[in-house]
Amino acid sequence: MTDNAHEQIDDLFAQVRLCLLELRQGDPETVTKLKSLLSQLEDCVEQLVIDSLRLKSLEAKAKRAPQTRKKPRGKTGGR
């Protein structure tokens, strides 16, 4: 996904809704069904985008986290 994928997805949904408005004049019942399906699809896509952003955030944190370094083994104690 690109950095502005959520904006692209929002634009696509807006375009679909505009097309549905144009169709409403000819077949309002089908448009109502399509709007319901589109709302369900939007909910699914929204969750996918949120999950993707969380994953990117976790990956970025993992890359920034300092690597644990092993201490060199040496003599311990005074003997």
PDB file of N, CA and C in Angstrom:
ATOM      1  N   MET A   1       0.826  -1.189   0.000  1.00  0.00           N
ATOM      2  CA  MET A   1       0.000   0.000   0.000  1.00  0.00           C
ATOM      3  C   MET A   1       0.866   1.247   0.000  1.00  0.00           C
ATOM      4  N   THR A   2       0.427   2.223  -0.757  1.00  0.00           N
ATOM      5  CA  THR A   2       1.170   3.471  -0.757  1.00  0.00           C
ATOM      6  C   THR A   2       0.768   4.292   0.460  1.00  0.00           C
ATOM      7  N   ASP A   3       1.523   5.337   0.708  1.00  0.00           N
ATOM      8  CA  ASP A   3       1.266   6.171   1.880  1.00  0.00           C
ATOM      9  C   ASP A   3      -0.109   6.836   1.834  1.00  0.00           C
ATOM     10  N   ASN A   4      -0.600   7.141   0.650  1.00  0.00           N
ATOM     11  CA  ASN A   4      -1.892   7.813   0.544  1.00  0.00           C
ATOM     12  C   ASN A   4      -2.978   6.858   0.054  1.00  0.00           C
ATOM     13  N   ALA A   5      -2.832   5.573   0.316  1.00  0.00           N
ATOM     14  CA  ALA A   5      -3.803   4.580  -0.141  1.00  0.00           C
ATOM     15  C   ALA A   5      -5.186   4.864   0.420  1.00  0.00           C
ATOM     16  N   HIS A   6      -5.248   5.311   1.671  1.00  0.00           N
ATOM     17  CA  HIS A   6      -6.560   5.591   2.262  1.00  0.00           C
ATOM     18  C   HIS A   6      -7.283   6.706   1.513  1.00  0.00           C
ATOM     19  N   GLU A   7      -6.538   7.674   1.020  1.00  0.00           N
ATOM     20  CA  GLU A   7      -7.151   8.754   0.246  1.00  0.00           C
ATOM     21  C   GLU A   7      -7.657   8.233  -1.097  1.00  0.00           C
ATOM     22  N   GLN A   8      -6.875   7.373  -1.729  1.00  0.00           N
ATOM     23  CA  GLN A   8      -7.283   6.789  -3.003  1.00  0.00           C
ATOM     24  C   GLN A   8      -8.544   5.943  -2.828  1.00  0.00           C
ATOM     25  N   ILE A   9      -8.594   5.180  -1.748  1.00  0.00           N
ATOM     26  CA  ILE A   9      -9.759   4.348  -1.475  1.00  0.00           C
ATOM     27  C   ILE A   9     -10.981   5.226  -1.223  1.00  0.00           C
ATOM     28  N   ASP A  10     -10.819   6.286  -0.435  1.00  0.00           N
ATOM     29  CA  ASP A  10     -11.929   7.207  -0.181  1.00  0.00           C
ATOM     30  C   ASP A  10     -12.440   7.820  -1.478  1.00  0.00           C
ATOM     31  N   ASP A  11     -11.519   8.196  -2.359  1.00  0.00           N
ATOM     32  CA  ASP A  11     -11.920   8.774  -3.645  1.00  0.00           C
ATOM     33  C   ASP A  11     -12.704   7.772  -4.493  1.00  0.00           C
ATOM     34  N   LEU A  12     -12.259   6.525  -4.496  1.00  0.00           N
ATOM     35  CA  LEU A  12     -12.967   5.501  -5.262  1.00  0.00           C
ATOM     36  C   LEU A  12     -14.382   5.288  -4.730  1.00  0.00           C
ATOM     37  N   PHE A  13     -14.519   5.234  -3.421  1.00  0.00           N
ATOM     38  CA  PHE A  13     -15.854   5.076  -2.845  1.00  0.00           C
ATOM     39  C   PHE A  13     -16.738   6.276  -3.181  1.00  0.00           C
ATOM     40  N   ALA A  14     -16.172   7.455  -3.164  1.00  0.00           N
ATOM     41  CA  ALA A  14     -16.947   8.653  -3.502  1.00  0.00           C
ATOM     42  C   ALA A  14     -17.412   8.594  -4.957  1.00  0.00           C
ATOM     43  N   GLN A  15     -16.542   8.148  -5.848  1.00  0.00           N
ATOM     44  CA  GLN A  15     -16.912   8.026  -7.259  1.00  0.00           C
ATOM     45  C   GLN A  15     -18.032   7.004  -7.447  1.00  0.00           C
ATOM     46  N   VAL A  16     -17.952   5.890  -6.733  1.00  0.00           N
ATOM     47  CA  VAL A  16     -19.002   4.867  -6.824  1.00  0.00           C
ATOM     48  C   VAL A  16     -20.328   5.443  -6.340  1.00  0.00           C
ATOM     49  N   ARG A  17     -20.288   6.179  -5.238  1.00  0.00           N
ATOM     50  CA  ARG A  17     -21.530   6.770  -4.718  1.00  0.00           C
ATOM     51  C   ARG A  17     -22.123   7.776  -5.717  1.00  0.00           C
ATOM     52  N   LEU A  18     -21.264   8.535  -6.394  1.00  0.00           N
ATOM     53  CA  LEU A  18     -21.771   9.470  -7.410  1.00  0.00           C
ATOM     54  C   LEU A  18     -22.435   8.718  -8.557  1.00  0.00           C
ATOM     55  N   CYS A  19     -21.849   7.606  -8.954  1.00  0.00           N
ATOM     56  CA  CYS A  19     -22.451   6.794 -10.013  1.00  0.00           C
ATOM     57  C   CYS A  19     -23.794   6.223  -9.567  1.00  0.00           C
ATOM     58  N   LEU A  20     -23.883   5.838  -8.288  1.00  0.00           N
ATOM     59  CA  LEU A  20     -25.147   5.323  -7.764  1.00  0.00           C
ATOM     60  C   LEU A  20     -26.233   6.398  -7.799  1.00  0.00           C
ATOM     61  N   LEU A  21     -25.829   7.640  -7.536  1.00  0.00           N
ATOM     62  CA  LEU A  21     -26.806   8.738  -7.603  1.00  0.00           C
ATOM     63  C   LEU A  21     -27.355   8.885  -9.018  1.00  0.00           C
ATOM     64  N   GLU A  22     -26.501   8.698 -10.003  1.00  0.00           N
ATOM     65  CA  GLU A  22     -26.938   8.787 -11.392  1.00  0.00           C
ATOM     66  C   GLU A  22     -27.888   7.636 -11.739  1.00  0.00           C
ATOM     67  N   LEU A  23     -27.625   6.444 -11.188  1.00  0.00           N
ATOM     68  CA  LEU A  23     -28.464   5.277 -11.454  1.00  0.00           C
ATOM     69  C   LEU A  23     -29.814   5.342 -10.751  1.00  0.00           C
ATOM     70  N   ARG A  24     -29.886   6.066  -9.683  1.00  0.00           N
ATOM     71  CA  ARG A  24     -31.088   6.110  -8.837  1.00  0.00           C
ATOM     72  C   ARG A  24     -32.339   6.432  -9.656  1.00  0.00           C
ATOM     73  N   GLN A  25     -32.210   7.262 -10.629  1.00  0.00           N
ATOM     74  CA  GLN A  25     -33.370   7.669 -11.425  1.00  0.00           C
ATOM     75  C   GLN A  25     -33.998   6.473 -12.146  1.00  0.00           C
ATOM     76  N   GLY A  26     -33.181   5.545 -12.608  1.00  0.00           N
ATOM     77  CA  GLY A  26     -33.696   4.424 -13.390  1.00  0.00           C
ATOM     78  C   GLY A  26     -34.138   3.235 -12.556  1.00  0.00           C
ATOM     79  N   ASP A  27     -33.422   2.935 -11.481  1.00  0.00           N
ATOM     80  CA  ASP A  27     -33.724   1.729 -10.704  1.00  0.00           C
ATOM     81  C   ASP A  27     -33.411   1.963  -9.228  1.00  0.00           C
ATOM     82  N   PRO A  28     -34.301   2.654  -8.529  1.00  0.00           N
ATOM     83  CA  PRO A  28     -34.021   3.007  -7.137  1.00  0.00           C
ATOM     84  C   PRO A  28     -33.866   1.795  -6.208  1.00  0.00           C
ATOM     85  N   GLU A  29     -34.576   0.697  -6.460  1.00  0.00           N
ATOM     86  CA  GLU A  29     -34.485  -0.478  -5.593  1.00  0.00           C
ATOM     87  C   GLU A  29     -33.089  -1.104  -5.673  1.00  0.00           C
ATOM     88  N   THR A  30     -32.569  -1.218  -6.880  1.00  0.00           N
ATOM     89  CA  THR A  30     -31.224  -1.775  -7.047  1.00  0.00           C
ATOM     90  C   THR A  30     -30.178  -0.865  -6.429  1.00  0.00           C
ATOM     91  N   VAL A  31     -30.361   0.430  -6.574  1.00  0.00           N
ATOM     92  CA  VAL A  31     -29.419   1.391  -5.993  1.00  0.00           C
ATOM     93  C   VAL A  31     -29.410   1.261  -4.472  1.00  0.00           C
ATOM     94  N   THR A  32     -30.558   1.070  -3.870  1.00  0.00           N
ATOM     95  CA  THR A  32     -30.635   0.901  -2.419  1.00  0.00           C
ATOM     96  C   THR A  32     -29.858  -0.333  -1.985  1.00  0.00           C
ATOM     97  N   LYS A  33     -30.016  -1.425  -2.712  1.00  0.00           N
ATOM     98  CA  LYS A  33     -29.269  -2.652  -2.402  1.00  0.00           C
ATOM     99  C   LYS A  33     -27.769  -2.430  -2.569  1.00  0.00           C
ATOM    100  N   LEU A  34     -27.404  -1.767  -3.653  1.00  0.00           N
ATOM    101  CA  LEU A  34     -25.981  -1.502  -3.907  1.00  0.00           C
ATOM    102  C   LEU A  34     -25.381  -0.600  -2.837  1.00  0.00           C
ATOM    103  N   LYS A  35     -26.135   0.391  -2.384  1.00  0.00           N
ATOM    104  CA  LYS A  35     -25.640   1.271  -1.327  1.00  0.00           C
ATOM    105  C   LYS A  35     -25.391   0.502  -0.043  1.00  0.00           C
ATOM    106  N   SER A  36     -26.276  -0.442   0.267  1.00  0.00           N
ATOM    107  CA  SER A  36     -26.093  -1.265   1.458  1.00  0.00           C
ATOM    108  C   SER A  36     -24.828  -2.117   1.332  1.00  0.00           C
ATOM    109  N   LEU A  37     -24.656  -2.733   0.176  1.00  0.00           N
ATOM    110  CA  LEU A  37     -23.453  -3.548  -0.054  1.00  0.00           C
ATOM    111  C   LEU A  37     -22.196  -2.692  -0.014  1.00  0.00           C
ATOM    112  N   LEU A  38     -22.281  -1.511  -0.566  1.00  0.00           N
ATOM    113  CA  LEU A  38     -21.138  -0.607  -0.570  1.00  0.00           C
ATOM    114  C   LEU A  38     -20.763  -0.191   0.848  1.00  0.00           C
ATOM    115  N   SER A  39     -21.736   0.049   1.683  1.00  0.00           N
ATOM    116  CA  SER A  39     -21.464   0.408   3.084  1.00  0.00           C
ATOM    117  C   SER A  39     -20.753  -0.740   3.800  1.00  0.00           C
ATOM    118  N   GLN A  40     -21.203  -1.965   3.546  1.00  0.00           N
ATOM    119  CA  GLN A  40     -20.545  -3.128   4.146  1.00  0.00           C
ATOM    120  C   GLN A  40     -19.101  -3.235   3.667  1.00  0.00           C
ATOM    121  N   LEU A  41     -18.897  -3.002   2.375  1.00  0.00           N
ATOM    122  CA  LEU A  41     -17.548  -3.054   1.802  1.00  0.00           C
ATOM    123  C   LEU A  41     -16.662  -1.974   2.406  1.00  0.00           C
ATOM    124  N   GLU A  42     -17.210  -0.780   2.582  1.00  0.00           N
ATOM    125  CA  GLU A  42     -16.450   0.310   3.197  1.00  0.00           C
ATOM    126  C   GLU A  42     -15.992  -0.063   4.605  1.00  0.00           C
ATOM    127  N   ASP A  43     -16.867  -0.687   5.366  1.00  0.00           N
ATOM    128  CA  ASP A  43     -16.505  -1.095   6.728  1.00  0.00           C
ATOM    129  C   ASP A  43     -15.344  -2.090   6.711  1.00  0.00           C
ATOM    130  N   CYS A  44     -15.413  -3.048   5.791  1.00  0.00           N
ATOM    131  CA  CYS A  44     -14.338  -4.050   5.689  1.00  0.00           C
ATOM    132  C   CYS A  44     -13.020  -3.408   5.270  1.00  0.00           C
ATOM    133  N   VAL A  45     -13.086  -2.547   4.276  1.00  0.00           N
ATOM    134  CA  VAL A  45     -11.876  -1.897   3.771  1.00  0.00           C
ATOM    135  C   VAL A  45     -11.284  -0.984   4.841  1.00  0.00           C
ATOM    136  N   GLU A  46     -12.139  -0.292   5.560  1.00  0.00           N
ATOM    137  CA  GLU A  46     -11.669   0.598   6.621  1.00  0.00           C
ATOM    138  C   GLU A  46     -10.865  -0.189   7.661  1.00  0.00           C
ATOM    139  N   GLN A  47     -11.376  -1.352   8.046  1.00  0.00           N
ATOM    140  CA  GLN A  47     -10.665  -2.170   9.028  1.00  0.00           C
ATOM    141  C   GLN A  47      -9.338  -2.663   8.470  1.00  0.00           C
ATOM    142  N   LEU A  48      -9.317  -3.014   7.190  1.00  0.00           N
ATOM    143  CA  LEU A  48      -8.065  -3.453   6.562  1.00  0.00           C
ATOM    144  C   LEU A  48      -7.030  -2.331   6.548  1.00  0.00           C
ATOM    145  N   VAL A  49      -7.468  -1.129   6.254  1.00  0.00           N
ATOM    146  CA  VAL A  49      -6.556   0.019   6.244  1.00  0.00           C
ATOM    147  C   VAL A  49      -6.018   0.269   7.648  1.00  0.00           C
ATOM    148  N   ILE A  50      -6.899   0.205   8.645  1.00  0.00           N
ATOM    149  CA  ILE A  50      -6.465   0.411  10.032  1.00  0.00           C
ATOM    150  C   ILE A  50      -5.447  -0.652  10.427  1.00  0.00           C
ATOM    151  N   ASP A  51      -5.742  -1.913  10.091  1.00  0.00           N
ATOM    152  CA  ASP A  51      -4.809  -3.000  10.418  1.00  0.00           C
ATOM    153  C   ASP A  51      -3.468  -2.809   9.717  1.00  0.00           C
ATOM    154  N   SER A  52      -3.518  -2.354   8.479  1.00  0.00           N
ATOM    155  CA  SER A  52      -2.287  -2.119   7.721  1.00  0.00           C
ATOM    156  C   SER A  52      -1.448  -1.015   8.364  1.00  0.00           C
ATOM    157  N   LEU A  53      -2.099   0.057   8.788  1.00  0.00           N
ATOM    158  CA  LEU A  53      -1.384   1.159   9.438  1.00  0.00           C
ATOM    159  C   LEU A  53      -0.780   0.720  10.767  1.00  0.00           C
ATOM    160  N   ARG A  54      -1.523  -0.099  11.519  1.00  0.00           N
ATOM    161  CA  ARG A  54      -0.983  -0.623  12.779  1.00  0.00           C
ATOM    162  C   ARG A  54       0.236  -1.494  12.523  1.00  0.00           C
ATOM    163  N   LEU A  55       0.160  -2.331  11.507  1.00  0.00           N
ATOM    164  CA  LEU A  55       1.279  -3.205  11.175  1.00  0.00           C
ATOM    165  C   LEU A  55       2.510  -2.388  10.777  1.00  0.00           C
ATOM    166  N   LYS A  56       2.309  -1.355   9.964  1.00  0.00           N
ATOM    167  CA  LYS A  56       3.425  -0.493   9.590  1.00  0.00           C
ATOM    168  C   LYS A  56       4.044   0.167  10.812  1.00  0.00           C
ATOM    169  N   SER A  57       3.195   0.587  11.737  1.00  0.00           N
ATOM    170  CA  SER A  57       3.678   1.226  12.958  1.00  0.00           C
ATOM    171  C   SER A  57       4.507   0.245  13.787  1.00  0.00           C
ATOM    172  N   LEU A  58       4.011  -0.964  13.923  1.00  0.00           N
ATOM    173  CA  LEU A  58       4.748  -1.978  14.678  1.00  0.00           C
ATOM    174  C   LEU A  58       6.079  -2.322  14.011  1.00  0.00           C
ATOM    175  N   GLU A  59       6.077  -2.401  12.692  1.00  0.00           N
ATOM    176  CA  GLU A  59       7.316  -2.687  11.966  1.00  0.00           C
ATOM    177  C   GLU A  59       8.330  -1.566  12.171  1.00  0.00           C
ATOM    178  N   ALA A  60       7.853  -0.336  12.145  1.00  0.00           N
ATOM    179  CA  ALA A  60       8.753   0.803  12.337  1.00  0.00           C
ATOM    180  C   ALA A  60       9.339   0.792  13.750  1.00  0.00           C
ATOM    181  N   LYS A  61       8.509   0.464  14.742  1.00  0.00           N
ATOM    182  CA  LYS A  61       8.996   0.384  16.125  1.00  0.00           C
ATOM    183  C   LYS A  61      10.022  -0.726  16.274  1.00  0.00           C
ATOM    184  N   ALA A  62       9.782  -1.846  15.612  1.00  0.00           N
ATOM    185  CA  ALA A  62      10.711  -2.972  15.706  1.00  0.00           C
ATOM    186  C   ALA A  62      12.065  -2.613  15.087  1.00  0.00           C
ATOM    187  N   LYS A  63      12.054  -1.845  14.033  1.00  0.00           N
ATOM    188  CA  LYS A  63      13.309  -1.439  13.390  1.00  0.00           C
ATOM    189  C   LYS A  63      14.080  -0.447  14.249  1.00  0.00           C
ATOM    190  N   ARG A  64      13.334   0.387  14.993  1.00  0.00           N
ATOM    191  CA  ARG A  64      13.992   1.396  15.833  1.00  0.00           C
ATOM    192  C   ARG A  64      14.479   0.825  17.157  1.00  0.00           C
ATOM    193  N   ALA A  65      13.903  -0.277  17.580  1.00  0.00           N
ATOM    194  CA  ALA A  65      14.268  -0.850  18.881  1.00  0.00           C
ATOM    195  C   ALA A  65      15.731  -1.272  18.862  1.00  0.00           C
ATOM    196  N   PRO A  66      16.465  -0.952  19.931  1.00  0.00           N
ATOM    197  CA  PRO A  66      17.880  -1.330  19.959  1.00  0.00           C
ATOM    198  C   PRO A  66      18.028  -2.849  20.029  1.00  0.00           C
ATOM    199  N   GLN A  67      19.006  -3.331  19.325  1.00  0.00           N
ATOM    200  CA  GLN A  67      19.306  -4.754  19.350  1.00  0.00           C
ATOM    201  C   GLN A  67      19.918  -5.091  20.700  1.00  0.00           C
ATOM    202  N   THR A  68      19.517  -6.204  21.278  1.00  0.00           N
ATOM    203  CA  THR A  68      20.123  -6.605  22.545  1.00  0.00           C
ATOM    204  C   THR A  68      21.497  -7.187  22.239  1.00  0.00           C
ATOM    205  N   ARG A  69      22.475  -6.699  22.968  1.00  0.00           N
ATOM    206  CA  ARG A  69      23.839  -7.147  22.735  1.00  0.00           C
ATOM    207  C   ARG A  69      24.245  -8.087  23.849  1.00  0.00           C
ATOM    208  N   LYS A  70      24.927  -9.152  23.442  1.00  0.00           N
ATOM    209  CA  LYS A  70      25.417 -10.093  24.432  1.00  0.00           C
ATOM    210  C   LYS A  70      26.677  -9.524  25.061  1.00  0.00           C
ATOM    211  N   LYS A  71      26.785  -9.697  26.364  1.00  0.00           N
ATOM    212  CA  LYS A  71      27.968  -9.249  27.060  1.00  0.00           C
ATOM    213  C   LYS A  71      29.082 -10.276  26.834  1.00  0.00           C
ATOM    214  N   PRO A  72      30.280  -9.793  26.617  1.00  0.00           N
ATOM    215  CA  PRO A  72      31.383 -10.747  26.417  1.00  0.00           C
ATOM    216  C   PRO A  72      31.643 -11.541  27.703  1.00  0.00           C
ATOM    217  N   ARG A  73      31.936 -12.795  27.499  1.00  0.00           N
ATOM    218  CA  ARG A  73      32.239 -13.636  28.660  1.00  0.00           C
ATOM    219  C   ARG A  73      33.658 -13.357  29.095  1.00  0.00           C
ATOM    220  N   GLY A  74      33.780 -13.106  30.356  1.00  0.00           N
ATOM    221  CA  GLY A  74      35.102 -12.849  30.901  1.00  0.00           C
ATOM    222  C   GLY A  74      35.180 -13.438  32.281  1.00  0.00           C
ATOM    223  N   LYS A  75      36.268 -13.244  32.913  1.00  0.00           N
ATOM    224  CA  LYS A  75      36.422 -13.756  34.259  1.00  0.00           C
ATOM    225  C   LYS A  75      35.541 -12.956  35.207  1.00  0.00           C
ATOM    226  N   THR A  76      34.873 -13.653  36.068  1.00  0.00           N
ATOM    227  CA  THR A  76      34.064 -12.957  37.058  1.00  0.00           C
ATOM    228  C   THR A  76      34.624 -13.250  38.425  1.00  0.00           C
ATOM    229  N   GLY A  77      34.459 -12.326  39.299  1.00  0.00           N
ATOM    230  CA  GLY A  77      34.952 -12.504  40.659  1.00  0.00           C
ATOM    231  C   GLY A  77      36.432 -12.158  40.756  1.00  0.00           C
ATOM    232  N   GLY A  78      36.970 -12.240  41.936  1.00  0.00           N
ATOM    233  CA  GLY A  78      38.347 -11.840  42.153  1.00  0.00           C
ATOM    234  C   GLY A  78      39.300 -13.016  42.157  1.00  0.00           C
ATOM    235  N   ARG A  79      38.886 -14.147  41.829  1.00  0.00           N
ATOM    236  CA  ARG A  79      39.772 -15.319  41.925  1.00  0.00           C
ATOM    237  C   ARG A  79      40.448 -15.654  40.659  1.00  0.00           C
TER     238      ARG A  79
END
